[in-house]
Amino acid sequence: MRRCWPKTSIGTGSNSTGDKISGYHPDKCGGFERKDAWDIRGNDILTSPIQQPDYASCCSQCQATLGCIAFTYSSASQQCSLKTSIGSGRSSTGDRISGYN
């Protein structure tokens, strides 16, 4: 019998139990539209960005934060800026990746 258990995160993981295969895509985050080379200016929830290792972690942080509907992640500095809105201040920036719902 084949079964599939969709996950919302990778959690802490565990060792293989023989017949199970797991996988994830680090650039995906459910419910958010991804925009590469896109910076959302202003509308920050926090006074300074938080450190996150990748886009998916930044997205997960936004999902877990009340009032967050968008975020901008810098792959160069690994900084994640959580946003209350996308506003009107967007610009093209090489290392920035934004997500919004």
N, C-alpha and C. Protein backbone atom coordinates (compact mmCIF):
# COMPACT_ATOMS: atom_id res chain seq x y z
N MET A 1 0.84 -1.17 0.00
CA MET A 1 0.00 0.00 0.00
C MET A 1 0.90 1.25 0.00
N ARG A 2 0.61 2.19 -0.87
CA ARG A 2 1.37 3.44 -0.94
C ARG A 2 0.64 4.53 -0.17
N ARG A 3 1.40 5.29 0.60
CA ARG A 3 0.82 6.38 1.37
C ARG A 3 1.73 7.59 1.28
N CYS A 4 1.13 8.76 1.41
CA CYS A 4 1.88 10.01 1.37
C CYS A 4 1.40 10.89 2.52
N TRP A 5 2.35 11.42 3.29
CA TRP A 5 2.02 12.30 4.41
C TRP A 5 2.63 13.67 4.16
N PRO A 6 1.85 14.62 3.60
CA PRO A 6 2.37 15.97 3.39
C PRO A 6 2.75 16.62 4.72
N LYS A 7 3.77 17.43 4.70
CA LYS A 7 4.28 18.08 5.91
C LYS A 7 4.26 19.59 5.76
N THR A 8 4.18 20.29 6.89
CA THR A 8 4.25 21.75 6.89
C THR A 8 5.66 22.24 7.14
N SER A 9 6.53 21.38 7.66
CA SER A 9 7.93 21.73 7.87
C SER A 9 8.74 20.43 7.95
N ILE A 10 10.07 20.57 7.96
CA ILE A 10 10.90 19.37 8.07
C ILE A 10 11.18 19.02 9.52
N GLY A 11 10.85 19.91 10.45
CA GLY A 11 11.07 19.62 11.87
C GLY A 11 12.51 19.26 12.16
N THR A 12 12.72 18.36 13.10
CA THR A 12 14.08 17.95 13.46
C THR A 12 14.52 16.71 12.69
N GLY A 13 13.58 16.06 12.01
CA GLY A 13 13.91 14.87 11.23
C GLY A 13 14.20 13.67 12.11
N SER A 14 14.44 12.54 11.48
CA SER A 14 14.79 11.32 12.21
C SER A 14 15.44 10.35 11.23
N ASN A 15 15.92 9.25 11.75
CA ASN A 15 16.56 8.23 10.92
C ASN A 15 15.53 7.48 10.10
N SER A 16 15.98 6.92 9.01
CA SER A 16 15.12 6.15 8.13
C SER A 16 14.57 4.92 8.85
N THR A 17 13.32 4.59 8.54
CA THR A 17 12.72 3.39 9.11
C THR A 17 12.57 2.30 8.05
N GLY A 18 13.35 2.38 7.00
CA GLY A 18 13.35 1.31 6.01
C GLY A 18 12.59 1.62 4.74
N ASP A 19 11.27 1.68 4.81
CA ASP A 19 10.48 1.82 3.59
C ASP A 19 9.92 3.23 3.38
N LYS A 20 10.43 4.22 4.09
CA LYS A 20 9.93 5.59 3.96
C LYS A 20 10.98 6.48 3.30
N ILE A 21 10.52 7.35 2.42
CA ILE A 21 11.38 8.31 1.75
C ILE A 21 10.81 9.70 2.01
N SER A 22 11.67 10.62 2.43
CA SER A 22 11.24 11.99 2.68
C SER A 22 11.98 12.94 1.76
N GLY A 23 11.36 14.07 1.52
CA GLY A 23 12.02 15.08 0.71
C GLY A 23 11.35 16.43 0.90
N TYR A 24 12.09 17.47 0.57
CA TYR A 24 11.53 18.81 0.63
C TYR A 24 12.25 19.70 -0.35
N HIS A 25 11.62 20.77 -0.69
CA HIS A 25 12.23 21.75 -1.59
C HIS A 25 12.45 23.02 -0.79
N PRO A 26 13.71 23.46 -0.57
CA PRO A 26 13.99 24.59 0.31
C PRO A 26 13.51 25.94 -0.21
N ASP A 27 13.12 26.02 -1.49
CA ASP A 27 12.67 27.29 -2.04
C ASP A 27 11.16 27.40 -2.13
N LYS A 28 10.44 26.51 -1.54
CA LYS A 28 8.98 26.53 -1.59
C LYS A 28 8.42 26.87 -0.22
N CYS A 29 7.30 27.55 -0.24
CA CYS A 29 6.61 27.87 1.01
C CYS A 29 5.14 28.01 0.68
N GLY A 30 4.33 27.11 1.20
CA GLY A 30 2.92 27.07 0.88
C GLY A 30 2.17 28.37 1.13
N GLY A 31 1.36 28.76 0.16
CA GLY A 31 0.50 29.93 0.30
C GLY A 31 1.15 31.26 -0.04
N PHE A 32 2.44 31.28 -0.32
CA PHE A 32 3.14 32.53 -0.62
C PHE A 32 3.61 32.54 -2.07
N GLU A 33 3.41 33.67 -2.71
CA GLU A 33 3.93 33.90 -4.06
C GLU A 33 5.38 34.33 -3.95
N ARG A 34 6.27 33.66 -4.65
CA ARG A 34 7.70 33.99 -4.59
C ARG A 34 8.08 34.96 -5.71
N LYS A 35 8.83 36.00 -5.36
CA LYS A 35 9.32 36.97 -6.34
C LYS A 35 10.84 37.10 -6.17
N ASP A 36 11.59 36.59 -7.13
CA ASP A 36 13.05 36.70 -7.09
C ASP A 36 13.49 38.11 -7.49
N ALA A 37 14.61 38.56 -6.91
CA ALA A 37 15.18 39.89 -7.18
C ALA A 37 14.15 40.99 -6.93
N TRP A 38 13.40 40.84 -5.85
CA TRP A 38 12.31 41.77 -5.52
C TRP A 38 12.42 42.15 -4.06
N ASP A 39 12.45 43.42 -3.76
CA ASP A 39 12.57 43.92 -2.40
C ASP A 39 11.31 44.70 -2.03
N ILE A 40 10.67 44.32 -0.93
CA ILE A 40 9.52 45.06 -0.42
C ILE A 40 10.07 46.04 0.61
N ARG A 41 9.93 47.31 0.34
CA ARG A 41 10.48 48.34 1.23
C ARG A 41 9.43 48.76 2.26
N GLY A 42 9.89 48.97 3.51
CA GLY A 42 9.01 49.44 4.57
C GLY A 42 8.05 48.37 5.07
N ASN A 43 7.09 48.78 5.89
CA ASN A 43 6.06 47.91 6.46
C ASN A 43 6.63 46.76 7.30
N ASP A 44 7.79 46.99 7.92
CA ASP A 44 8.45 45.96 8.73
C ASP A 44 7.73 45.75 10.06
N ILE A 45 7.58 44.50 10.45
CA ILE A 45 6.99 44.16 11.75
C ILE A 45 8.01 44.39 12.86
N LEU A 46 9.25 44.01 12.63
CA LEU A 46 10.31 44.14 13.63
C LEU A 46 11.20 45.33 13.31
N THR A 47 11.90 45.84 14.30
CA THR A 47 12.77 46.99 14.08
C THR A 47 14.03 46.65 13.31
N SER A 48 14.42 45.38 13.28
CA SER A 48 15.57 44.96 12.48
C SER A 48 15.33 43.55 11.95
N PRO A 49 15.98 43.19 10.84
CA PRO A 49 15.81 41.85 10.27
C PRO A 49 16.30 40.76 11.23
N ILE A 50 15.78 39.56 11.04
CA ILE A 50 16.22 38.41 11.83
C ILE A 50 17.04 37.49 10.93
N GLN A 51 17.94 36.74 11.52
CA GLN A 51 18.78 35.80 10.77
C GLN A 51 17.98 34.52 10.49
N GLN A 52 18.00 34.08 9.25
CA GLN A 52 17.39 32.82 8.84
C GLN A 52 18.31 32.19 7.80
N PRO A 53 18.47 30.88 7.81
CA PRO A 53 19.43 30.23 6.90
C PRO A 53 19.01 30.20 5.43
N ASP A 54 17.69 30.31 5.16
CA ASP A 54 17.23 30.22 3.78
C ASP A 54 15.84 30.83 3.61
N TYR A 55 15.41 30.91 2.36
CA TYR A 55 14.11 31.49 2.01
C TYR A 55 12.96 30.77 2.73
N ALA A 56 12.99 29.44 2.72
CA ALA A 56 11.90 28.67 3.32
C ALA A 56 11.79 28.95 4.82
N SER A 57 12.91 29.10 5.51
CA SER A 57 12.89 29.40 6.95
C SER A 57 12.32 30.78 7.20
N CYS A 58 12.66 31.73 6.35
CA CYS A 58 12.11 33.09 6.47
C CYS A 58 10.60 33.04 6.27
N CYS A 59 10.17 32.30 5.27
CA CYS A 59 8.75 32.15 5.00
C CYS A 59 8.03 31.50 6.18
N SER A 60 8.62 30.46 6.74
CA SER A 60 8.02 29.80 7.91
C SER A 60 7.91 30.75 9.09
N GLN A 61 8.92 31.61 9.26
CA GLN A 61 8.89 32.60 10.34
C GLN A 61 7.73 33.57 10.13
N CYS A 62 7.51 33.97 8.89
CA CYS A 62 6.39 34.86 8.57
C CYS A 62 5.06 34.16 8.88
N GLN A 63 4.93 32.91 8.49
CA GLN A 63 3.70 32.16 8.74
C GLN A 63 3.41 32.05 10.24
N ALA A 64 4.45 32.00 11.05
CA ALA A 64 4.29 31.83 12.50
C ALA A 64 4.14 33.17 13.23
N THR A 65 4.24 34.29 12.52
CA THR A 65 4.20 35.61 13.15
C THR A 65 2.87 36.29 12.87
N LEU A 66 2.16 36.64 13.91
CA LEU A 66 0.87 37.31 13.80
C LEU A 66 1.02 38.62 13.01
N GLY A 67 0.19 38.82 12.02
CA GLY A 67 0.20 40.04 11.24
C GLY A 67 1.13 40.03 10.05
N CYS A 68 1.93 38.98 9.89
CA CYS A 68 2.87 38.91 8.77
C CYS A 68 2.16 38.38 7.52
N ILE A 69 2.19 39.18 6.46
CA ILE A 69 1.61 38.73 5.19
C ILE A 69 2.62 38.75 4.05
N ALA A 70 3.84 39.20 4.36
CA ALA A 70 4.89 39.25 3.34
C ALA A 70 6.25 39.28 4.03
N PHE A 71 7.30 39.03 3.25
CA PHE A 71 8.66 39.07 3.80
C PHE A 71 9.65 39.29 2.67
N THR A 72 10.82 39.77 3.02
CA THR A 72 11.93 39.88 2.08
C THR A 72 13.13 39.19 2.70
N TYR A 73 13.77 38.32 1.93
CA TYR A 73 14.92 37.56 2.39
C TYR A 73 16.14 37.92 1.55
N SER A 74 17.28 38.16 2.21
CA SER A 74 18.54 38.41 1.52
C SER A 74 19.40 37.16 1.64
N SER A 75 19.70 36.53 0.51
CA SER A 75 20.53 35.32 0.54
C SER A 75 21.97 35.65 0.90
N ALA A 76 22.45 36.83 0.56
CA ALA A 76 23.83 37.21 0.86
C ALA A 76 24.06 37.40 2.35
N SER A 77 23.14 38.06 3.03
CA SER A 77 23.31 38.34 4.46
C SER A 77 22.50 37.41 5.35
N GLN A 78 21.65 36.57 4.75
CA GLN A 78 20.74 35.67 5.46
C GLN A 78 19.83 36.44 6.41
N GLN A 79 19.40 37.62 5.98
CA GLN A 79 18.49 38.43 6.80
C GLN A 79 17.08 38.33 6.26
N CYS A 80 16.14 38.23 7.19
CA CYS A 80 14.73 38.06 6.90
C CYS A 80 13.96 39.23 7.51
N SER A 81 13.25 39.97 6.66
CA SER A 81 12.45 41.10 7.12
C SER A 81 10.98 40.75 6.96
N LEU A 82 10.26 40.68 8.07
CA LEU A 82 8.84 40.34 8.06
C LEU A 82 8.02 41.61 7.83
N LYS A 83 6.94 41.51 7.05
CA LYS A 83 6.17 42.68 6.62
C LYS A 83 4.69 42.55 6.96
N THR A 84 4.07 43.72 7.22
CA THR A 84 2.62 43.77 7.46
C THR A 84 1.85 43.93 6.16
N SER A 85 2.52 44.38 5.10
CA SER A 85 1.89 44.52 3.79
C SER A 85 2.97 44.65 2.73
N ILE A 86 2.58 44.52 1.47
CA ILE A 86 3.55 44.72 0.40
C ILE A 86 3.65 46.19 0.03
N GLY A 87 2.68 46.99 0.48
CA GLY A 87 2.71 48.43 0.21
C GLY A 87 2.89 48.72 -1.26
N SER A 88 3.49 49.84 -1.57
CA SER A 88 3.73 50.19 -2.97
C SER A 88 5.22 50.32 -3.27
N GLY A 89 6.05 50.16 -2.23
CA GLY A 89 7.49 50.35 -2.41
C GLY A 89 8.23 49.08 -2.73
N ARG A 90 8.24 48.69 -3.98
CA ARG A 90 8.96 47.49 -4.41
C ARG A 90 10.06 47.90 -5.37
N SER A 91 11.16 47.21 -5.31
CA SER A 91 12.24 47.50 -6.26
C SER A 91 12.98 46.22 -6.60
N SER A 92 13.64 46.23 -7.72
CA SER A 92 14.42 45.09 -8.16
C SER A 92 15.79 45.14 -7.49
N THR A 93 16.10 44.09 -6.74
CA THR A 93 17.38 44.01 -6.04
C THR A 93 17.92 42.59 -6.19
N GLY A 94 19.14 42.45 -6.68
CA GLY A 94 19.73 41.18 -7.03
C GLY A 94 19.62 40.04 -6.04
N ASP A 95 20.01 40.24 -4.78
CA ASP A 95 20.05 39.11 -3.85
C ASP A 95 18.80 39.00 -2.99
N ARG A 96 17.78 39.78 -3.24
CA ARG A 96 16.57 39.75 -2.43
C ARG A 96 15.52 38.82 -3.06
N ILE A 97 14.82 38.11 -2.20
CA ILE A 97 13.71 37.27 -2.61
C ILE A 97 12.55 37.63 -1.70
N SER A 98 11.41 37.95 -2.26
CA SER A 98 10.26 38.30 -1.44
C SER A 98 9.16 37.28 -1.63
N GLY A 99 8.34 37.16 -0.61
CA GLY A 99 7.17 36.31 -0.66
C GLY A 99 6.00 37.06 -0.09
N TYR A 100 4.82 36.83 -0.62
CA TYR A 100 3.61 37.47 -0.10
C TYR A 100 2.41 36.58 -0.37
N ASN A 101 1.36 36.78 0.42
CA ASN A 101 0.13 36.02 0.17
C ASN A 101 -1.04 36.94 0.01
